[in-house]
C-alpha atoms as a PDB file:
ATOM      1  CA  MET A   1      -8.136 -28.110  -4.102  1.00  0.00           C
ATOM      2  CA  ILE A   2      -9.406 -30.901  -1.774  1.00  0.00           C
ATOM      3  CA  LEU A   3      -5.814 -31.671  -0.782  1.00  0.00           C
ATOM      4  CA  ASP A   4      -5.150 -27.949  -0.223  1.00  0.00           C
ATOM      5  CA  THR A   5      -8.210 -27.773   2.035  1.00  0.00           C
ATOM      6  CA  ILE A   6      -7.000 -30.734   4.098  1.00  0.00           C
ATOM      7  CA  LEU A   7      -3.479 -29.317   4.327  1.00  0.00           C
ATOM      8  CA  GLY A   8      -4.997 -25.965   5.373  1.00  0.00           C
ATOM      9  CA  TRP A   9      -6.269 -27.626   8.567  1.00  0.00           C
ATOM     10  CA  PHE A  10      -2.647 -28.096   9.645  1.00  0.00           C
ATOM     11  CA  SER A  11      -1.171 -24.734   8.561  1.00  0.00           C
ATOM     12  CA  THR A  12      -1.809 -21.079   9.312  1.00  0.00           C
ATOM     13  CA  ASP A  13      -2.676 -19.831   5.813  1.00  0.00           C
ATOM     14  CA  MET A  14      -2.400 -16.069   5.449  1.00  0.00           C
ATOM     15  CA  GLY A  15      -3.052 -13.072   3.219  1.00  0.00           C
ATOM     16  CA  ILE A  16      -0.385 -10.394   2.853  1.00  0.00           C
ATOM     17  CA  ASP A  17      -0.721  -6.780   1.770  1.00  0.00           C
ATOM     18  CA  LEU A  18       2.900  -6.212   0.782  1.00  0.00           C
ATOM     19  CA  GLY A  19       3.026  -2.425   0.780  1.00  0.00           C
ATOM     20  CA  THR A  20       5.767   0.096   0.108  1.00  0.00           C
ATOM     21  CA  CYS A  21       5.237   1.684   3.550  1.00  0.00           C
ATOM     22  CA  ASN A  22       3.553  -1.028   5.614  1.00  0.00           C
ATOM     23  CA  THR A  23       3.001  -4.767   5.399  1.00  0.00           C
ATOM     24  CA  LEU A  24      -0.205  -6.229   6.823  1.00  0.00           C
ATOM     25  CA  VAL A  25      -0.721  -9.946   7.413  1.00  0.00           C
ATOM     26  CA  THR A  26      -4.112 -11.577   7.932  1.00  0.00           C
ATOM     27  CA  VAL A  27      -4.917 -15.122   8.987  1.00  0.00           C
ATOM     28  CA  ARG A  28      -7.908 -17.044   7.717  1.00  0.00           C
ATOM     29  CA  GLY A  29     -10.702 -16.837  10.266  1.00  0.00           C
ATOM     30  CA  GLU A  30      -8.756 -14.519  12.583  1.00  0.00           C
ATOM     31  CA  GLY A  31      -8.400 -11.231  10.687  1.00  0.00           C
ATOM     32  CA  ILE A  32      -5.370  -8.933  10.814  1.00  0.00           C
ATOM     33  CA  LYS A  33      -2.551 -10.368  12.909  1.00  0.00           C
ATOM     34  CA  LEU A  34       0.326  -8.053  11.961  1.00  0.00           C
ATOM     35  CA  ASN A  35       0.684  -4.456  10.767  1.00  0.00           C
ATOM     36  CA  GLU A  36       4.283  -3.240  10.631  1.00  0.00           C
ATOM     37  CA  PRO A  37       6.410  -0.892   8.489  1.00  0.00           C
ATOM     38  CA  SER A  38       8.129  -2.412   5.447  1.00  0.00           C
ATOM     39  CA  VAL A  39      11.555  -1.515   6.785  1.00  0.00           C
ATOM     40  CA  VAL A  40      14.652  -3.640   7.486  1.00  0.00           C
ATOM     41  CA  ALA A  41      17.853  -2.672   9.339  1.00  0.00           C
ATOM     42  CA  VAL A  42      21.056  -4.215   7.940  1.00  0.00           C
ATOM     43  CA  ARG A  43      24.793  -3.926   8.298  1.00  0.00           C
ATOM     44  CA  LYS A  44      25.906  -1.317   5.795  1.00  0.00           C
ATOM     45  CA  GLY A  45      27.262  -2.803   2.581  1.00  0.00           C
ATOM     46  CA  THR A  46      25.734  -6.220   3.356  1.00  0.00           C
ATOM     47  CA  ASN A  47      22.341  -7.918   3.451  1.00  0.00           C
ATOM     48  CA  VAL A  48      22.845  -9.115   7.029  1.00  0.00           C
ATOM     49  CA  VAL A  49      19.753  -8.181   9.071  1.00  0.00           C
ATOM     50  CA  LEU A  50      20.589  -6.905  12.554  1.00  0.00           C
ATOM     51  CA  ASN A  51      19.586  -8.581  15.830  1.00  0.00           C
ATOM     52  CA  ASN A  52      19.803 -12.078  14.344  1.00  0.00           C
ATOM     53  CA  GLY A  53      17.298 -11.219  11.639  1.00  0.00           C
ATOM     54  CA  GLU A  54      14.853  -9.525  14.034  1.00  0.00           C
ATOM     55  CA  ALA A  55      15.519  -5.849  13.115  1.00  0.00           C
ATOM     56  CA  VAL A  56      12.451  -5.670  10.894  1.00  0.00           C
ATOM     57  CA  GLY A  57       9.247  -3.640  10.939  1.00  0.00           C
ATOM     58  CA  LEU A  58       8.611  -1.349  13.915  1.00  0.00           C
ATOM     59  CA  VAL A  59      12.101  -1.883  15.337  1.00  0.00           C
ATOM     60  CA  ALA A  60      13.738  -0.934  12.046  1.00  0.00           C
ATOM     61  CA  LYS A  61      11.463   2.065  11.367  1.00  0.00           C
ATOM     62  CA  ASP A  62      12.574   3.686  14.611  1.00  0.00           C
ATOM     63  CA  MET A  63      16.100   3.648  13.129  1.00  0.00           C
ATOM     64  CA  LEU A  64      15.191   5.479   9.883  1.00  0.00           C
ATOM     65  CA  GLY A  65      17.351   8.574   9.541  1.00  0.00           C
ATOM     66  CA  LYS A  66      19.050   7.910  12.901  1.00  0.00           C
ATOM     67  CA  THR A  67      21.446   5.081  12.135  1.00  0.00           C
ATOM     68  CA  PRO A  68      25.245   5.291  12.609  1.00  0.00           C
ATOM     69  CA  GLY A  69      27.524   4.822   9.632  1.00  0.00           C
ATOM     70  CA  SER A  70      27.690   1.049  10.079  1.00  0.00           C
ATOM     71  CA  ILE A  71      23.927   0.471   9.875  1.00  0.00           C
ATOM     72  CA  SER A  72      21.349   1.101   7.125  1.00  0.00           C
ATOM     73  CA  ALA A  73      17.574   1.140   7.688  1.00  0.00           C
ATOM     74  CA  ILE A  74      16.097   0.543   4.256  1.00  0.00           C
ATOM     75  CA  ARG A  75      12.764  -0.022   2.546  1.00  0.00           C
ATOM     76  CA  PRO A  76      13.130  -3.001   0.178  1.00  0.00           C
ATOM     77  CA  LEU A  77      10.078  -2.013  -1.884  1.00  0.00           C
ATOM     78  CA  LYS A  78       9.815   1.036  -4.102  1.00  0.00           C
ATOM     79  CA  ASP A  79       6.710   2.173  -6.004  1.00  0.00           C
ATOM     80  CA  GLY A  80       4.928  -0.993  -4.904  1.00  0.00           C
ATOM     81  CA  VAL A  81       7.531  -3.407  -6.318  1.00  0.00           C
ATOM     82  CA  ILE A  82      10.614  -5.161  -4.977  1.00  0.00           C
ATOM     83  CA  SER A  83      13.805  -3.149  -5.316  1.00  0.00           C
ATOM     84  CA  ASP A  84      15.959  -5.446  -3.151  1.00  0.00           C
ATOM     85  CA  PHE A  85      15.125  -9.146  -3.471  1.00  0.00           C
ATOM     86  CA  GLU A  86      17.245 -10.535  -0.631  1.00  0.00           C
ATOM     87  CA  ILE A  87      16.041  -7.972   1.903  1.00  0.00           C
ATOM     88  CA  THR A  88      12.417  -8.474   0.851  1.00  0.00           C
ATOM     89  CA  GLU A  89      12.846 -12.210   1.315  1.00  0.00           C
ATOM     90  CA  ALA A  90      14.286 -11.645   4.796  1.00  0.00           C
ATOM     91  CA  MET A  91      11.431  -9.283   5.689  1.00  0.00           C
ATOM     92  CA  LEU A  92       8.732 -11.652   4.414  1.00  0.00           C
ATOM     93  CA  GLY A  93      10.364 -14.553   6.219  1.00  0.00           C
ATOM     94  CA  TYR A  94      10.336 -12.612   9.491  1.00  0.00           C
ATOM     95  CA  PHE A  95       6.675 -11.617   9.131  1.00  0.00           C
ATOM     96  CA  ILE A  96       5.579 -15.130   8.113  1.00  0.00           C
ATOM     97  CA  ARG A  97       7.456 -16.689  11.062  1.00  0.00           C
ATOM     98  CA  LYS A  98       6.042 -14.102  13.451  1.00  0.00           C
ATOM     99  CA  VAL A  99       2.464 -14.819  12.401  1.00  0.00           C
ATOM    100  CA  HIS A 100       2.771 -18.542  11.687  1.00  0.00           C
ATOM    101  CA  GLY A 101       4.762 -19.372  14.804  1.00  0.00           C
ATOM    102  CA  ARG A 102       3.767 -22.808  15.988  1.00  0.00           C
ATOM    103  CA  GLY A 103       0.242 -22.346  14.686  1.00  0.00           C
ATOM    104  CA  GLY A 104       0.621 -24.964  11.932  1.00  0.00           C
ATOM    105  CA  LEU A 105       2.503 -28.153  11.197  1.00  0.00           C
ATOM    106  CA  LEU A 106       3.004 -27.225   7.531  1.00  0.00           C
ATOM    107  CA  ARG A 107       4.282 -24.180   5.721  1.00  0.00           C
ATOM    108  CA  PRO A 108       1.455 -21.713   5.044  1.00  0.00           C
ATOM    109  CA  GLN A 109      -0.434 -21.064   1.837  1.00  0.00           C
ATOM    110  CA  VAL A 110      -0.180 -17.329   1.082  1.00  0.00           C
ATOM    111  CA  VAL A 111      -2.189 -14.800  -0.952  1.00  0.00           C
ATOM    112  CA  ILE A 112      -0.234 -11.624  -1.738  1.00  0.00           C
ATOM    113  CA  SER A 113      -1.639  -8.421  -3.250  1.00  0.00           C
ATOM    114  CA  VAL A 114       0.452  -6.774  -5.972  1.00  0.00           C
ATOM    115  CA  PRO A 115       0.028  -3.574  -8.032  1.00  0.00           C
ATOM    116  CA  SER A 116      -1.911  -4.252 -11.213  1.00  0.00           C
ATOM    117  CA  GLY A 117       0.656  -2.475 -13.351  1.00  0.00           C
ATOM    118  CA  ILE A 118       3.733  -4.535 -12.482  1.00  0.00           C
ATOM    119  CA  THR A 119       5.436  -6.726 -15.064  1.00  0.00           C
ATOM    120  CA  ALA A 120       5.503 -10.512 -15.270  1.00  0.00           C
ATOM    121  CA  VAL A 121       9.112 -10.429 -14.066  1.00  0.00           C
ATOM    122  CA  GLU A 122       8.123  -8.365 -11.030  1.00  0.00           C
ATOM    123  CA  ARG A 123       5.258 -10.777 -10.273  1.00  0.00           C
ATOM    124  CA  ARG A 124       7.659 -13.686 -10.457  1.00  0.00           C
ATOM    125  CA  ALA A 125      10.012 -11.871  -8.049  1.00  0.00           C
ATOM    126  CA  VAL A 126       7.224 -11.520  -5.464  1.00  0.00           C
ATOM    127  CA  ARG A 127       6.275 -15.206  -5.760  1.00  0.00           C
ATOM    128  CA  ASP A 128       9.861 -16.428  -5.562  1.00  0.00           C
ATOM    129  CA  SER A 129      10.632 -14.225  -2.545  1.00  0.00           C
ATOM    130  CA  ALA A 130       7.562 -15.502  -0.685  1.00  0.00           C
ATOM    131  CA  GLU A 131       8.313 -19.131  -1.486  1.00  0.00           C
ATOM    132  CA  ARG A 132      11.911 -18.812  -0.307  1.00  0.00           C
ATOM    133  CA  ALA A 133      10.630 -17.000   2.793  1.00  0.00           C
ATOM    134  CA  GLY A 134       8.603 -20.049   3.806  1.00  0.00           C
ATOM    135  CA  ALA A 135       5.315 -20.108   1.874  1.00  0.00           C
ATOM    136  CA  ARG A 136       4.000 -23.501   0.681  1.00  0.00           C
ATOM    137  CA  LYS A 137       2.035 -22.001  -2.213  1.00  0.00           C
ATOM    138  CA  VAL A 138       1.748 -18.410  -3.347  1.00  0.00           C
ATOM    139  CA  PHE A 139      -1.244 -16.806  -5.075  1.00  0.00           C
ATOM    140  CA  LEU A 140      -1.107 -13.259  -6.412  1.00  0.00           C
ATOM    141  CA  ILE A 141      -4.112 -10.941  -6.520  1.00  0.00           C
ATOM    142  CA  ASP A 142      -4.202  -7.467  -8.041  1.00  0.00           C
ATOM    143  CA  GLU A 143      -4.500  -4.758  -5.387  1.00  0.00           C
ATOM    144  CA  PRO A 144      -7.675  -3.187  -6.843  1.00  0.00           C
ATOM    145  CA  MET A 145      -9.431  -6.567  -6.736  1.00  0.00           C
ATOM    146  CA  ALA A 146      -8.302  -7.147  -3.138  1.00  0.00           C
ATOM    147  CA  ALA A 147      -9.389  -3.620  -2.204  1.00  0.00           C
ATOM    148  CA  GLY A 148     -12.801  -4.126  -3.809  1.00  0.00           C
ATOM    149  CA  ILE A 149     -13.303  -7.394  -1.925  1.00  0.00           C
ATOM    150  CA  GLY A 150     -12.101  -5.838   1.341  1.00  0.00           C
ATOM    151  CA  ALA A 151     -14.455  -2.878   0.911  1.00  0.00           C
ATOM    152  CA  GLY A 152     -17.406  -5.228   0.449  1.00  0.00           C
ATOM    153  CA  LEU A 153     -18.198  -3.998  -3.074  1.00  0.00           C
ATOM    154  CA  PRO A 154     -20.426  -6.191  -5.287  1.00  0.00           C
ATOM    155  CA  ILE A 155     -17.560  -7.061  -7.623  1.00  0.00           C
ATOM    156  CA  THR A 156     -19.116 -10.379  -8.716  1.00  0.00           C
ATOM    157  CA  GLU A 157     -22.341  -8.749  -9.907  1.00  0.00           C
ATOM    158  CA  PRO A 158     -23.029  -7.325 -13.402  1.00  0.00           C
ATOM    159  CA  THR A 159     -22.661  -3.742 -12.245  1.00  0.00           C
ATOM    160  CA  ALA A 160     -19.713  -1.363 -12.030  1.00  0.00           C
ATOM    161  CA  SER A 161     -17.688  -1.008  -8.835  1.00  0.00           C
ATOM    162  CA  MET A 162     -14.903   1.583  -8.839  1.00  0.00           C
ATOM    163  CA  ILE A 163     -12.057   1.595  -6.336  1.00  0.00           C
ATOM    164  CA  VAL A 164      -9.220   4.095  -5.892  1.00  0.00           C
ATOM    165  CA  ASP A 165      -6.460   2.665  -3.689  1.00  0.00           C
ATOM    166  CA  ILE A 166      -3.914   5.351  -2.783  1.00  0.00           C
ATOM    167  CA  GLY A 167      -1.015   3.462  -1.217  1.00  0.00           C
ATOM    168  CA  GLY A 168       2.475   4.465  -0.212  1.00  0.00           C
ATOM    169  CA  GLY A 169       4.146   3.831  -3.567  1.00  0.00           C
ATOM    170  CA  THR A 170       1.301   3.446  -6.053  1.00  0.00           C
ATOM    171  CA  THR A 171      -2.259   4.532  -6.748  1.00  0.00           C
ATOM    172  CA  GLU A 172      -4.472   1.824  -8.205  1.00  0.00           C
ATOM    173  CA  VAL A 173      -7.670   2.909  -9.965  1.00  0.00           C
ATOM    174  CA  ALA A 174     -10.001   0.200 -11.273  1.00  0.00           C
ATOM    175  CA  ILE A 175     -13.536  -0.380 -12.479  1.00  0.00           C
ATOM    176  CA  MET A 176     -14.687  -3.948 -11.782  1.00  0.00           C
ATOM    177  CA  SER A 177     -17.639  -6.077 -12.820  1.00  0.00           C
ATOM    178  CA  LEU A 178     -18.455  -9.803 -12.826  1.00  0.00           C
ATOM    179  CA  ALA A 179     -15.437 -10.681 -10.639  1.00  0.00           C
ATOM    180  CA  ASP A 180     -12.931  -9.169 -13.060  1.00  0.00           C
ATOM    181  CA  ILE A 181     -11.237  -5.851 -13.744  1.00  0.00           C
ATOM    182  CA  SER A 182     -12.779  -4.053 -16.715  1.00  0.00           C
ATOM    183  CA  THR A 183     -10.543  -0.973 -16.735  1.00  0.00           C
ATOM    184  CA  CYS A 184      -7.524  -0.288 -14.586  1.00  0.00           C
ATOM    185  CA  THR A 185      -4.760   2.288 -14.270  1.00  0.00           C
ATOM    186  CA  SER A 186      -1.703   1.895 -12.046  1.00  0.00           C
ATOM    187  CA  LEU A 187       0.098   5.137 -11.188  1.00  0.00           C
ATOM    188  CA  ARG A 188       3.423   5.103  -9.378  1.00  0.00           C
ATOM    189  CA  VAL A 189       2.457   8.039  -7.172  1.00  0.00           C
ATOM    190  CA  GLY A 190       1.329   7.682  -3.570  1.00  0.00           C
ATOM    191  CA  GLY A 191       1.855   8.688   0.034  1.00  0.00           C
ATOM    192  CA  ASP A 192       5.652   8.607  -0.300  1.00  0.00           C
ATOM    193  CA  ASP A 193       5.378  11.282  -2.993  1.00  0.00           C
ATOM    194  CA  PHE A 194       3.349  13.434  -0.581  1.00  0.00           C
ATOM    195  CA  ASP A 195       6.201  13.155   1.923  1.00  0.00           C
ATOM    196  CA  GLU A 196       8.819  13.919  -0.724  1.00  0.00           C
ATOM    197  CA  ALA A 197       6.867  16.984  -1.886  1.00  0.00           C
ATOM    198  CA  ILE A 198       6.860  18.324   1.691  1.00  0.00           C
ATOM    199  CA  ILE A 199      10.602  17.686   2.088  1.00  0.00           C
ATOM    200  CA  ASN A 200      11.352  19.490  -1.193  1.00  0.00           C
ATOM    201  CA  HIS A 201       9.104  22.428  -0.285  1.00  0.00           C
ATOM    202  CA  LEU A 202      10.807  23.034   3.064  1.00  0.00           C
ATOM    203  CA  LYS A 203      14.249  22.662   1.515  1.00  0.00           C
ATOM    204  CA  ARG A 204      13.458  25.018  -1.353  1.00  0.00           C
ATOM    205  CA  THR A 205      11.511  27.636   0.622  1.00  0.00           C
ATOM    206  CA  TYR A 206      13.229  27.639   4.018  1.00  0.00           C
ATOM    207  CA  ASN A 207      16.592  25.919   3.405  1.00  0.00           C
ATOM    208  CA  LEU A 208      15.451  23.412   6.025  1.00  0.00           C
ATOM    209  CA  LEU A 209      16.162  19.717   5.665  1.00  0.00           C
ATOM    210  CA  ILE A 210      13.893  17.188   7.381  1.00  0.00           C
ATOM    211  CA  GLY A 211      13.651  13.396   7.261  1.00  0.00           C
ATOM    212  CA  GLU A 212      10.924  11.064   6.002  1.00  0.00           C
ATOM    213  CA  SER A 213       9.394  10.488   9.445  1.00  0.00           C
ATOM    214  CA  ARG A 214       9.053  14.192  10.165  1.00  0.00           C
ATOM    215  CA  ALA A 215       7.614  14.833   6.693  1.00  0.00           C
ATOM    216  CA  GLU A 216       4.999  12.147   7.342  1.00  0.00           C
ATOM    217  CA  GLN A 217       4.145  13.874  10.627  1.00  0.00           C
ATOM    218  CA  VAL A 218       3.619  17.177   8.783  1.00  0.00           C
ATOM    219  CA  LYS A 219       1.420  15.413   6.195  1.00  0.00           C
ATOM    220  CA  ILE A 220      -0.760  13.892   8.912  1.00  0.00           C
ATOM    221  CA  GLU A 221      -1.109  17.077  10.982  1.00  0.00           C
ATOM    222  CA  LEU A 222      -1.316  19.743   8.244  1.00  0.00           C
ATOM    223  CA  GLY A 223      -1.797  17.995   4.912  1.00  0.00           C
ATOM    224  CA  SER A 224      -4.931  18.492   2.827  1.00  0.00           C
ATOM    225  CA  ALA A 225      -6.061  18.167  -0.780  1.00  0.00           C
ATOM    226  CA  GLY A 226      -8.534  21.047  -0.565  1.00  0.00           C
ATOM    227  CA  PRO A 227      -9.250  24.142   1.552  1.00  0.00           C
ATOM    228  CA  LEU A 228      -9.894  23.562   5.259  1.00  0.00           C
ATOM    229  CA  GLU A 229     -12.643  25.155   7.325  1.00  0.00           C
ATOM    230  CA  GLU A 230      -9.954  26.273   9.737  1.00  0.00           C
ATOM    231  CA  GLU A 231      -6.374  26.522   8.537  1.00  0.00           C
ATOM    232  CA  MET A 232      -3.619  25.342  10.896  1.00  0.00           C
ATOM    233  CA  THR A 233       0.018  25.989  11.745  1.00  0.00           C
ATOM    234  CA  MET A 234       2.772  23.774  13.063  1.00  0.00           C
ATOM    235  CA  GLU A 235       6.314  24.159  14.401  1.00  0.00           C
ATOM    236  CA  ILE A 236       8.828  21.939  12.647  1.00  0.00           C
ATOM    237  CA  ALA A 237      12.511  21.328  13.386  1.00  0.00           C
ATOM    238  CA  GLY A 238      15.266  20.265  11.020  1.00  0.00           C
ATOM    239  CA  ARG A 239      18.780  21.098   9.851  1.00  0.00           C
ATOM    240  CA  ASP A 240      19.574  24.388   8.135  1.00  0.00           C
ATOM    241  CA  THR A 241      21.170  23.563   4.767  1.00  0.00           C
ATOM    242  CA  ILE A 242      23.285  26.743   4.830  1.00  0.00           C
ATOM    243  CA  SER A 243      24.605  26.906   8.394  1.00  0.00           C
ATOM    244  CA  GLY A 244      24.336  23.180   9.044  1.00  0.00           C
ATOM    245  CA  LEU A 245      22.801  23.890  12.461  1.00  0.00           C
ATOM    246  CA  PRO A 246      19.449  22.714  13.890  1.00  0.00           C
ATOM    247  CA  ARG A 247      16.593  25.193  13.389  1.00  0.00           C
ATOM    248  CA  LYS A 248      12.847  25.514  13.963  1.00  0.00           C
ATOM    249  CA  ILE A 249      10.270  27.206  11.757  1.00  0.00           C
ATOM    250  CA  VAL A 250       6.478  27.608  11.709  1.00  0.00           C
ATOM    251  CA  ILE A 251       4.629  26.330   8.639  1.00  0.00           C
ATOM    252  CA  THR A 252       0.981  26.596   7.577  1.00  0.00           C
ATOM    253  CA  SER A 253      -1.559  24.166   6.168  1.00  0.00           C
ATOM    254  CA  GLU A 254      -2.016  26.447   3.125  1.00  0.00           C
ATOM    255  CA  GLU A 255       1.602  26.102   2.019  1.00  0.00           C
ATOM    256  CA  ILE A 256       1.628  22.344   2.617  1.00  0.00           C
ATOM    257  CA  ARG A 257      -1.524  22.026   0.488  1.00  0.00           C
ATOM    258  CA  GLU A 258       0.238  23.934  -2.281  1.00  0.00           C
ATOM    259  CA  ALA A 259       3.265  21.635  -1.933  1.00  0.00           C
ATOM    260  CA  LEU A 260       1.006  18.572  -2.308  1.00  0.00           C
ATOM    261  CA  LYS A 261      -0.766  19.987  -5.351  1.00  0.00           C
ATOM    262  CA  GLU A 262       1.344  18.153  -7.949  1.00  0.00           C
ATOM    263  CA  PRO A 263       0.966  14.555  -6.615  1.00  0.00           C
ATOM    264  CA  VAL A 264      -2.724  15.161  -5.790  1.00  0.00           C
ATOM    265  CA  SER A 265      -3.316  16.457  -9.340  1.00  0.00           C
ATOM    266  CA  SER A 266      -1.615  13.349 -10.765  1.00  0.00           C
ATOM    267  CA  ILE A 267      -4.003  11.116  -8.819  1.00  0.00           C
ATOM    268  CA  ILE A 268      -7.040  13.128  -9.953  1.00  0.00           C
ATOM    269  CA  GLU A 269      -5.881  12.875 -13.574  1.00  0.00           C
ATOM    270  CA  CYS A 270      -5.406   9.108 -13.183  1.00  0.00           C
ATOM    271  CA  VAL A 271      -8.982   8.736 -11.920  1.00  0.00           C
ATOM    272  CA  THR A 272     -10.491  10.812 -14.734  1.00  0.00           C
ATOM    273  CA  GLN A 273      -8.478   8.938 -17.384  1.00  0.00           C
ATOM    274  CA  THR A 274      -9.741   5.621 -16.045  1.00  0.00           C
ATOM    275  CA  LEU A 275     -13.326   6.881 -16.228  1.00  0.00           C
ATOM    276  CA  GLU A 276     -12.767   8.017 -19.817  1.00  0.00           C
ATOM    277  CA  LYS A 277     -11.723   4.451 -20.768  1.00  0.00           C
ATOM    278  CA  ALA A 278     -14.763   2.802 -19.139  1.00  0.00           C
ATOM    279  CA  GLU A 279     -17.462   1.055 -21.157  1.00  0.00           C
ATOM    280  CA  PRO A 280     -20.556   3.306 -21.460  1.00  0.00           C
ATOM    281  CA  GLU A 281     -22.840   0.953 -19.498  1.00  0.00           C
ATOM    282  CA  LEU A 282     -20.322   0.638 -16.661  1.00  0.00           C
ATOM    283  CA  ALA A 283     -19.777   4.396 -16.604  1.00  0.00           C
ATOM    284  CA  ALA A 284     -23.541   4.860 -16.286  1.00  0.00           C
ATOM    285  CA  ASP A 285     -23.626   2.461 -13.308  1.00  0.00           C
ATOM    286  CA  LEU A 286     -21.137   4.654 -11.447  1.00  0.00           C
ATOM    287  CA  ILE A 287     -23.628   7.527 -11.316  1.00  0.00           C
ATOM    288  CA  ASP A 288     -25.565   5.418  -8.808  1.00  0.00           C
ATOM    289  CA  ASN A 289     -22.748   3.324  -7.355  1.00  0.00           C
ATOM    290  CA  GLY A 290     -20.178   6.105  -6.935  1.00  0.00           C
ATOM    291  CA  VAL A 291     -16.439   5.790  -6.317  1.00  0.00           C
ATOM    292  CA  HIS A 292     -14.825   4.221  -3.249  1.00  0.00           C
ATOM    293  CA  ILE A 293     -11.377   5.281  -2.027  1.00  0.00           C
ATOM    294  CA  CYS A 294      -9.014   3.486   0.340  1.00  0.00           C
ATOM    295  CA  GLY A 295      -5.356   3.321   1.337  1.00  0.00           C
ATOM    296  CA  GLY A 296      -3.312   5.689   3.485  1.00  0.00           C
ATOM    297  CA  GLY A 297      -3.434   8.511   0.924  1.00  0.00           C
ATOM    298  CA  ALA A 298      -7.241   8.400   0.921  1.00  0.00           C
ATOM    299  CA  ILE A 299      -7.364   9.806   4.455  1.00  0.00           C
ATOM    300  CA  LEU A 300      -5.615  13.009   3.378  1.00  0.00           C
ATOM    301  CA  ARG A 301      -8.077  15.740   4.333  1.00  0.00           C
ATOM    302  CA  GLY A 302     -10.370  16.710   1.470  1.00  0.00           C
ATOM    303  CA  MET A 303      -9.217  13.967  -0.934  1.00  0.00           C
ATOM    304  CA  ASP A 304     -12.774  12.682  -1.308  1.00  0.00           C
ATOM    305  CA  LYS A 305     -14.091  16.180  -2.024  1.00  0.00           C
ATOM    306  CA  VAL A 306     -11.528  17.063  -4.710  1.00  0.00           C
ATOM    307  CA  LEU A 307     -12.165  13.737  -6.462  1.00  0.00           C
ATOM    308  CA  ALA A 308     -15.919  14.321  -6.290  1.00  0.00           C
ATOM    309  CA  ASN A 309     -15.501  17.803  -7.785  1.00  0.00           C
ATOM    310  CA  ALA A 310     -13.292  16.469 -10.588  1.00  0.00           C
ATOM    311  CA  THR A 311     -15.526  13.537 -11.544  1.00  0.00           C
ATOM    312  CA  GLY A 312     -19.029  14.711 -10.626  1.00  0.00           C
ATOM    313  CA  LEU A 313     -19.576  11.382  -8.834  1.00  0.00           C
ATOM    314  CA  ASN A 314     -20.210  10.493  -5.214  1.00  0.00           C
ATOM    315  CA  VAL A 315     -16.886   9.584  -3.579  1.00  0.00           C
ATOM    316  CA  ASN A 316     -16.967   7.444  -0.440  1.00  0.00           C
ATOM    317  CA  LEU A 317     -14.123   6.701   1.965  1.00  0.00           C
ATOM    318  CA  VAL A 318     -14.335   2.980   2.813  1.00  0.00           C
ATOM    319  CA  GLU A 319     -14.453   1.763   6.378  1.00  0.00           C
ATOM    320  CA  ASP A 320     -10.956   1.358   7.837  1.00  0.00           C
ATOM    321  CA  PRO A 321      -9.202   2.366   4.576  1.00  0.00           C
ATOM    322  CA  LEU A 322      -5.710   1.422   5.802  1.00  0.00           C
ATOM    323  CA  THR A 323      -6.583  -2.277   6.123  1.00  0.00           C
ATOM    324  CA  CYS A 324      -8.935  -2.615   3.159  1.00  0.00           C
ATOM    325  CA  VAL A 325      -6.511  -4.483   0.850  1.00  0.00           C
ATOM    326  CA  ALA A 326      -5.330  -6.783   3.657  1.00  0.00           C
ATOM    327  CA  ARG A 327      -8.915  -7.709   4.528  1.00  0.00           C
ATOM    328  CA  GLY A 328      -9.523  -8.447   0.861  1.00  0.00           C
ATOM    329  CA  THR A 329      -6.602 -10.895   0.682  1.00  0.00           C
ATOM    330  CA  CYS A 330      -8.039 -12.739   3.685  1.00  0.00           C
ATOM    331  CA  VAL A 331     -11.519 -13.006   2.150  1.00  0.00           C
ATOM    332  CA  PHE A 332      -9.921 -14.137  -1.113  1.00  0.00           C
ATOM    333  CA  LEU A 333      -7.980 -16.824   0.752  1.00  0.00           C
ATOM    334  CA  GLU A 334     -11.193 -18.069   2.362  1.00  0.00           C
ATOM    335  CA  ASN A 335     -12.892 -18.255  -1.052  1.00  0.00           C
ATOM    336  CA  LEU A 336     -10.075 -19.434  -3.321  1.00  0.00           C
ATOM    337  CA  GLU A 337     -12.222 -21.969  -5.166  1.00  0.00           C
ATOM    338  CA  SER A 338     -15.047 -19.581  -6.037  1.00  0.00           C
ATOM    339  CA  LEU A 339     -12.877 -16.539  -6.763  1.00  0.00           C
ATOM    340  CA  ARG A 340      -9.934 -18.222  -8.446  1.00  0.00           C
ATOM    341  CA  GLU A 341     -11.010 -17.040 -11.916  1.00  0.00           C
ATOM    342  CA  SER A 342      -9.893 -13.518 -11.010  1.00  0.00           C
ATOM    343  CA  ILE A 343      -6.361 -14.696 -10.200  1.00  0.00           C
ATOM    344  CA  ASP A 344      -3.748 -14.088 -12.870  1.00  0.00           C
ATOM    345  CA  GLN A 345      -3.478 -17.593 -14.344  1.00  0.00           C
ATOM    346  CA  ASP A 346       0.269 -17.124 -14.846  1.00  0.00           C
ATOM    347  CA  SER A 347       0.665 -16.775 -11.075  1.00  0.00           C
ATOM    348  CA  TYR A 348      -0.293 -20.346 -10.291  1.00  0.00           C
ATOM    349  CA  ASN A 349      -0.937 -23.528 -12.240  1.00  0.00           C
ATOM    350  CA  TRP A 350      -4.323 -24.827 -11.149  1.00  0.00           C
ATOM    351  CA  ASP A 351      -3.956 -28.191 -12.884  1.00  0.00           C
END
């Protein structure tokens, strides 16, 4: 660890929230340095990244659903895990180079958050991709632990802290105490499923086909988990599945809420099941400590209220929920020696 500390003086060590929708990179002592979509544009049928390997992130997201036949804009992660290893490696390499730049003489040490429910093989895939992308050493931290640290919860104390991290591909629900996870459930449902539910609703009800970006826009402007004080409407354009021609319709917040009912109910069920598995003393602590929610899905209108109604506990939206996990990886990086016991020991050999 002394050698790692010395080497850290000459490298830009970083924490990475490798998300299904967005990847955030933090630098020790500097905070969040990059926040871009987890999207890569490649030549169709190959793994060749466009623009000399630069068609990644924001540039690539603008191409989603609009590419010609020779180009594919793809997301290399699905449900929080790597679905395309080579593209993920290219994406990580681009982000690491963009942040590291000339800021260090050595390759960086990297902490990466991963869903708690992934397999050992999937963990190994993340580590190998990061190492090939330019990392000197790679440490993995479970997303709920990173979220708890980023939210400033007292996870090292002998009291229960509960976090619900609703990401793009997964929802992580965990109860933590004494710097470890006591009970955890990883559900492969998240913000992407909200978007898919909206796409399916419009296709089924109106014979209107829209893309992922437009579905996300509808979710942000109209989406809710519970009734609104003032319901809203929105005009949406897409392609008619019968005539094949462009068409506009007007949709309401009530129907979008109904469309989101299934994924929202799955998340609520995941939270209640986790509570049912908690140790009695930890469950009692949560009456006072409450539940904290973060991630992009947590900002869906009314999500905190429906969870509070289902559990009978106070539910609090953390400050800046979109960057909570990324901030946690940075704090973890700064305190590797004191927090290393909560790292999966299979992820790195400390000897």
